[in-house]
Every structure is written in structure tokens, then in C-alpha cells.
Amino acid sequence: MGHIKEPTGIDFFVDPTPLSKEDRKRISELIAHYRRTGKKMQVPKVKSPKRPTRSKKTSDA
């Protein structure tokens, strides 16, 4: 595996978000179910907050 060099002016940081007690409990339930049955549990999709998008540049050519 190679080494990834950071581009000038850009820092790569991973900032984990802390989990609530409810999230921890739900994850534990999912893991326990998988260990018991060997099958993944259906998880409803959660809407994530919208990320800002880059604006498209248009050319006047």
C-alpha cells in the first residue's frame, strides 16, 4: 500500500462524530442480530444533512 501525500494547503483530518446512547444501542442490536442469524437486518434510510455543492461554471463560448 502506498503513501498518500497531502496536497499543499490541504489537511486530511478524520473527525469522528460521537454516538448517542440510542445510536450505540441500535448498533449493538444490529451486531447481535447478525451474529445470531448470519443475516443483515433491514435498516431504514436516514436523511443526512445536505452538503454544500460546488456551483457549476458555465462558459460563454
Protein backbone atom coordinates (compact mmCIF):
# COMPACT_ATOMS: atom_id res chain seq x y z
CA MET A 1 0.00 0.00 0.00
CA GLY A 2 1.41 3.37 -0.96
CA HIS A 3 1.77 6.59 0.96
CA ILE A 4 -0.68 9.39 0.19
CA LYS A 5 0.98 12.79 0.16
CA GLU A 6 -1.15 15.71 1.29
CA PRO A 7 -1.52 18.38 -1.37
CA THR A 8 -0.17 21.80 -0.42
CA GLY A 9 -2.70 23.75 1.64
CA ILE A 10 -4.99 20.77 2.30
CA ASP A 11 -5.03 18.80 5.53
CA PHE A 12 -6.61 15.36 5.77
CA PHE A 13 -8.36 15.05 9.14
CA VAL A 14 -10.92 12.48 10.16
CA ASP A 15 -13.24 13.90 12.80
CA PRO A 16 -15.45 11.14 14.19
CA THR A 17 -18.84 12.25 15.38
CA PRO A 18 -19.71 10.98 18.86
CA LEU A 19 -22.57 8.49 19.03
CA SER A 20 -25.57 8.96 21.26
CA LYS A 21 -26.64 6.21 23.69
CA GLU A 22 -29.55 5.45 21.37
CA ASP A 23 -27.22 5.04 18.38
CA ARG A 24 -24.87 2.78 20.36
CA LYS A 25 -27.80 0.62 21.46
CA ARG A 26 -29.13 0.32 17.89
CA ILE A 27 -25.70 -0.66 16.55
CA SER A 28 -25.34 -3.29 19.30
CA GLU A 29 -28.74 -4.72 18.34
CA LEU A 30 -27.73 -4.92 14.68
CA ILE A 31 -24.47 -6.70 15.52
CA ALA A 32 -26.24 -9.14 17.87
CA HIS A 33 -28.84 -9.95 15.20
CA TYR A 34 -26.12 -10.60 12.61
CA ARG A 35 -24.22 -12.88 14.99
CA ARG A 36 -27.38 -14.86 15.81
CA THR A 37 -28.71 -15.26 12.28
CA GLY A 38 -25.83 -14.51 9.93
CA LYS A 39 -28.15 -12.14 8.04
CA LYS A 40 -28.18 -8.36 7.86
CA MET A 41 -31.11 -6.56 9.41
CA GLN A 42 -33.07 -4.09 7.29
CA VAL A 43 -32.27 -0.56 8.41
CA PRO A 44 -34.45 2.37 7.34
CA LYS A 45 -32.53 5.02 5.44
CA VAL A 46 -31.98 8.24 7.33
CA LYS A 47 -31.82 11.55 5.53
CA SER A 48 -28.43 13.10 6.02
CA PRO A 49 -27.97 16.84 6.21
CA LYS A 50 -27.38 18.38 2.81
CA ARG A 51 -23.81 19.17 1.97
CA PRO A 52 -23.00 22.33 0.11
CA THR A 53 -22.43 21.68 -3.58
CA ARG A 54 -19.97 23.36 -5.85
CA SER A 55 -21.53 25.67 -8.35
CA LYS A 56 -21.11 24.72 -11.99
CA LYS A 57 -19.08 27.11 -14.03
CA THR A 58 -20.58 27.98 -17.36
CA SER A 59 -18.56 29.16 -20.28
CA ASP A 60 -19.84 31.85 -22.61
CA ALA A 61 -18.26 30.48 -25.76
